[in-house]
């Protein structure tokens, strides 16, 4: 913000353009100053994002990632994003896979969960 009044006259075309440019800049900065909250509830509420009985765990995980990118601003490569994806994978998996995954203590390793899901899927 300017420390003193720039004394722009809205009746002068050149100064009016500066004023509008400044107003647009202020609006842009206000919209982008605070990061938007990530609304994960849509991923849990959406019926399209549940594992089908004949869907492989890898296909389901890829579909979850696509939905997360479509509906949220979550960075799936960050530690937080990976953690959310693991919990989402557990919560939205088919019943037999979900029961097995919920028993697991450590939930940091996405690859380990995918391997466990594949074991359950193959043993059906």
C-alpha atoms as a PDB file:
ATOM      1  CA  UNK A   1       0.000   0.000   0.000  1.00  0.00           C
ATOM      2  CA  UNK A   2       1.265   3.480  -0.708  1.00  0.00           C
ATOM      3  CA  UNK A   3       2.447   5.315   2.401  1.00  0.00           C
ATOM      4  CA  UNK A   4       0.802   8.530   1.230  1.00  0.00           C
ATOM      5  CA  UNK A   5      -2.065   9.507  -1.055  1.00  0.00           C
ATOM      6  CA  UNK A   6      -0.992   9.235  -4.743  1.00  0.00           C
ATOM      7  CA  UNK A   7      -3.621  11.886  -5.577  1.00  0.00           C
ATOM      8  CA  UNK A   8      -4.958  10.030  -8.585  1.00  0.00           C
ATOM      9  CA  UNK A   9      -7.747  11.960 -10.254  1.00  0.00           C
ATOM     10  CA  UNK A  10     -10.458   9.605 -11.604  1.00  0.00           C
ATOM     11  CA  UNK A  11     -11.398  12.260 -14.170  1.00  0.00           C
ATOM     12  CA  UNK A  12      -8.002  11.994 -15.881  1.00  0.00           C
ATOM     13  CA  UNK A  13      -7.874   8.915 -18.129  1.00  0.00           C
ATOM     14  CA  UNK A  14      -4.267   7.965 -17.393  1.00  0.00           C
ATOM     15  CA  UNK A  15      -4.720   8.287 -13.636  1.00  0.00           C
ATOM     16  CA  UNK A  16      -8.016   6.402 -13.764  1.00  0.00           C
ATOM     17  CA  UNK A  17      -6.212   3.486 -15.420  1.00  0.00           C
ATOM     18  CA  UNK A  18      -3.639   3.495 -12.613  1.00  0.00           C
ATOM     19  CA  UNK A  19      -6.419   3.525 -10.043  1.00  0.00           C
ATOM     20  CA  UNK A  20      -8.175   0.571 -11.680  1.00  0.00           C
ATOM     21  CA  UNK A  21      -4.893  -1.310 -11.969  1.00  0.00           C
ATOM     22  CA  UNK A  22      -4.221  -0.686  -8.284  1.00  0.00           C
ATOM     23  CA  UNK A  23      -7.731  -1.836  -7.334  1.00  0.00           C
ATOM     24  CA  UNK A  24      -7.305  -5.022  -9.379  1.00  0.00           C
ATOM     25  CA  UNK A  25      -3.981  -5.651  -7.675  1.00  0.00           C
ATOM     26  CA  UNK A  26      -5.543  -5.238  -4.216  1.00  0.00           C
ATOM     27  CA  UNK A  27      -8.388  -7.627  -5.081  1.00  0.00           C
ATOM     28  CA  UNK A  28      -5.943 -10.180  -6.508  1.00  0.00           C
ATOM     29  CA  UNK A  29      -3.729 -10.033  -3.413  1.00  0.00           C
ATOM     30  CA  UNK A  30      -6.700 -10.419  -1.064  1.00  0.00           C
ATOM     31  CA  UNK A  31      -7.978 -13.471  -2.947  1.00  0.00           C
ATOM     32  CA  UNK A  32      -4.553 -15.115  -2.941  1.00  0.00           C
ATOM     33  CA  UNK A  33      -3.269 -14.026   0.459  1.00  0.00           C
ATOM     34  CA  UNK A  34      -4.819 -16.882   2.415  1.00  0.00           C
ATOM     35  CA  UNK A  35      -4.551 -20.430   1.109  1.00  0.00           C
ATOM     36  CA  UNK A  36      -7.861 -22.159   0.590  1.00  0.00           C
ATOM     37  CA  UNK A  37      -8.820 -24.860   3.047  1.00  0.00           C
ATOM     38  CA  UNK A  38      -8.768 -28.386   1.695  1.00  0.00           C
ATOM     39  CA  UNK A  39     -12.261 -29.857   1.849  1.00  0.00           C
ATOM     40  CA  UNK A  40     -11.724 -33.603   2.096  1.00  0.00           C
ATOM     41  CA  UNK A  41     -15.314 -34.349   3.068  1.00  0.00           C
ATOM     42  CA  UNK A  42     -16.390 -34.481  -0.577  1.00  0.00           C
ATOM     43  CA  UNK A  43     -14.017 -37.405  -1.112  1.00  0.00           C
ATOM     44  CA  UNK A  44     -15.674 -39.333   1.714  1.00  0.00           C
ATOM     45  CA  UNK A  45     -19.237 -38.396   0.787  1.00  0.00           C
ATOM     46  CA  UNK A  46     -19.052 -39.035  -2.939  1.00  0.00           C
ATOM     47  CA  UNK A  47     -20.455 -42.473  -3.769  1.00  0.00           C
ATOM     48  CA  UNK A  48     -18.388 -42.658  -6.957  1.00  0.00           C
ATOM     49  CA  UNK A  49     -15.236 -42.943  -4.881  1.00  0.00           C
ATOM     50  CA  UNK A  50     -15.753 -46.347  -3.323  1.00  0.00           C
ATOM     51  CA  UNK A  51     -13.906 -49.442  -4.417  1.00  0.00           C
ATOM     52  CA  UNK A  52     -15.897 -51.786  -6.614  1.00  0.00           C
ATOM     53  CA  UNK A  53     -15.682 -55.483  -5.784  1.00  0.00           C
ATOM     54  CA  UNK A  54     -13.960 -56.321  -9.082  1.00  0.00           C
ATOM     55  CA  UNK A  55     -11.621 -53.300  -9.034  1.00  0.00           C
ATOM     56  CA  UNK A  56      -7.950 -53.903  -8.299  1.00  0.00           C
ATOM     57  CA  UNK A  57      -6.332 -51.958  -5.436  1.00  0.00           C
ATOM     58  CA  UNK A  58      -3.981 -50.194  -7.855  1.00  0.00           C
ATOM     59  CA  UNK A  59      -6.830 -49.071 -10.108  1.00  0.00           C
ATOM     60  CA  UNK A  60      -8.749 -47.889  -7.067  1.00  0.00           C
ATOM     61  CA  UNK A  61      -5.751 -45.949  -5.732  1.00  0.00           C
ATOM     62  CA  UNK A  62      -5.314 -44.266  -9.115  1.00  0.00           C
ATOM     63  CA  UNK A  63      -9.002 -43.348  -9.151  1.00  0.00           C
ATOM     64  CA  UNK A  64      -8.659 -41.898  -5.641  1.00  0.00           C
ATOM     65  CA  UNK A  65      -5.706 -39.797  -6.762  1.00  0.00           C
ATOM     66  CA  UNK A  66      -7.641 -38.494  -9.768  1.00  0.00           C
ATOM     67  CA  UNK A  67     -10.616 -37.595  -7.563  1.00  0.00           C
ATOM     68  CA  UNK A  68      -8.374 -35.866  -5.022  1.00  0.00           C
ATOM     69  CA  UNK A  69      -6.801 -33.800  -7.797  1.00  0.00           C
ATOM     70  CA  UNK A  70     -10.210 -32.993  -9.259  1.00  0.00           C
ATOM     71  CA  UNK A  71     -12.036 -32.038  -6.055  1.00  0.00           C
ATOM     72  CA  UNK A  72      -9.256 -30.674  -3.812  1.00  0.00           C
ATOM     73  CA  UNK A  73      -6.046 -28.691  -3.896  1.00  0.00           C
ATOM     74  CA  UNK A  74      -4.250 -31.365  -1.901  1.00  0.00           C
ATOM     75  CA  UNK A  75      -0.622 -31.986  -2.880  1.00  0.00           C
ATOM     76  CA  UNK A  76      -0.455 -35.772  -3.114  1.00  0.00           C
ATOM     77  CA  UNK A  77       3.356 -35.753  -3.078  1.00  0.00           C
ATOM     78  CA  UNK A  78       3.566 -34.013   0.306  1.00  0.00           C
ATOM     79  CA  UNK A  79       3.686 -35.940   3.583  1.00  0.00           C
ATOM     80  CA  UNK A  80       0.256 -34.573   4.512  1.00  0.00           C
ATOM     81  CA  UNK A  81      -1.194 -35.500   1.129  1.00  0.00           C
ATOM     82  CA  UNK A  82       0.130 -39.043   1.313  1.00  0.00           C
ATOM     83  CA  UNK A  83      -1.287 -39.463   4.818  1.00  0.00           C
ATOM     84  CA  UNK A  84      -4.714 -38.262   3.688  1.00  0.00           C
ATOM     85  CA  UNK A  85      -4.571 -40.599   0.724  1.00  0.00           C
ATOM     86  CA  UNK A  86      -3.792 -43.588   2.971  1.00  0.00           C
ATOM     87  CA  UNK A  87      -6.734 -42.808   5.259  1.00  0.00           C
ATOM     88  CA  UNK A  88      -8.989 -42.272   2.276  1.00  0.00           C
ATOM     89  CA  UNK A  89      -7.809 -45.551   0.749  1.00  0.00           C
ATOM     90  CA  UNK A  90      -8.592 -47.379   3.991  1.00  0.00           C
ATOM     91  CA  UNK A  91     -11.990 -45.755   4.428  1.00  0.00           C
ATOM     92  CA  UNK A  92     -13.212 -46.205   0.877  1.00  0.00           C
ATOM     93  CA  UNK A  93     -11.820 -49.696   0.154  1.00  0.00           C
ATOM     94  CA  UNK A  94     -13.986 -52.777  -0.269  1.00  0.00           C
ATOM     95  CA  UNK A  95     -15.126 -54.261   3.053  1.00  0.00           C
ATOM     96  CA  UNK A  96     -12.685 -57.173   3.222  1.00  0.00           C
ATOM     97  CA  UNK A  97      -9.709 -54.986   2.336  1.00  0.00           C
ATOM     98  CA  UNK A  98     -10.773 -52.209   4.708  1.00  0.00           C
ATOM     99  CA  UNK A  99     -11.083 -54.603   7.666  1.00  0.00           C
ATOM    100  CA  UNK A 100      -7.561 -55.923   7.083  1.00  0.00           C
ATOM    101  CA  UNK A 101      -6.051 -52.462   6.602  1.00  0.00           C
ATOM    102  CA  UNK A 102      -7.710 -51.035   9.721  1.00  0.00           C
ATOM    103  CA  UNK A 103      -5.853 -53.595  11.838  1.00  0.00           C
ATOM    104  CA  UNK A 104      -2.486 -52.287  10.676  1.00  0.00           C
ATOM    105  CA  UNK A 105      -0.687 -50.073  13.207  1.00  0.00           C
ATOM    106  CA  UNK A 106       1.671 -48.054  11.009  1.00  0.00           C
ATOM    107  CA  UNK A 107      -0.049 -45.960   8.396  1.00  0.00           C
ATOM    108  CA  UNK A 108       2.822 -44.007   6.881  1.00  0.00           C
ATOM    109  CA  UNK A 109       3.883 -46.375   4.108  1.00  0.00           C
ATOM    110  CA  UNK A 110       1.545 -46.205   1.124  1.00  0.00           C
ATOM    111  CA  UNK A 111       3.319 -49.038  -0.669  1.00  0.00           C
ATOM    112  CA  UNK A 112       2.876 -51.374   2.296  1.00  0.00           C
ATOM    113  CA  UNK A 113      -0.847 -50.703   2.358  1.00  0.00           C
ATOM    114  CA  UNK A 114      -1.132 -51.343  -1.339  1.00  0.00           C
ATOM    115  CA  UNK A 115       0.728 -54.658  -0.946  1.00  0.00           C
ATOM    116  CA  UNK A 116      -1.606 -55.710   1.877  1.00  0.00           C
ATOM    117  CA  UNK A 117      -4.644 -54.735  -0.182  1.00  0.00           C
ATOM    118  CA  UNK A 118      -3.363 -56.838  -3.086  1.00  0.00           C
ATOM    119  CA  UNK A 119      -2.925 -59.867  -0.778  1.00  0.00           C
ATOM    120  CA  UNK A 120      -6.523 -59.597   0.398  1.00  0.00           C
ATOM    121  CA  UNK A 121      -7.743 -59.016  -3.163  1.00  0.00           C
ATOM    122  CA  UNK A 122      -5.954 -62.132  -4.449  1.00  0.00           C
ATOM    123  CA  UNK A 123      -7.233 -64.320  -1.597  1.00  0.00           C
ATOM    124  CA  UNK A 124     -10.895 -63.614  -2.300  1.00  0.00           C
END
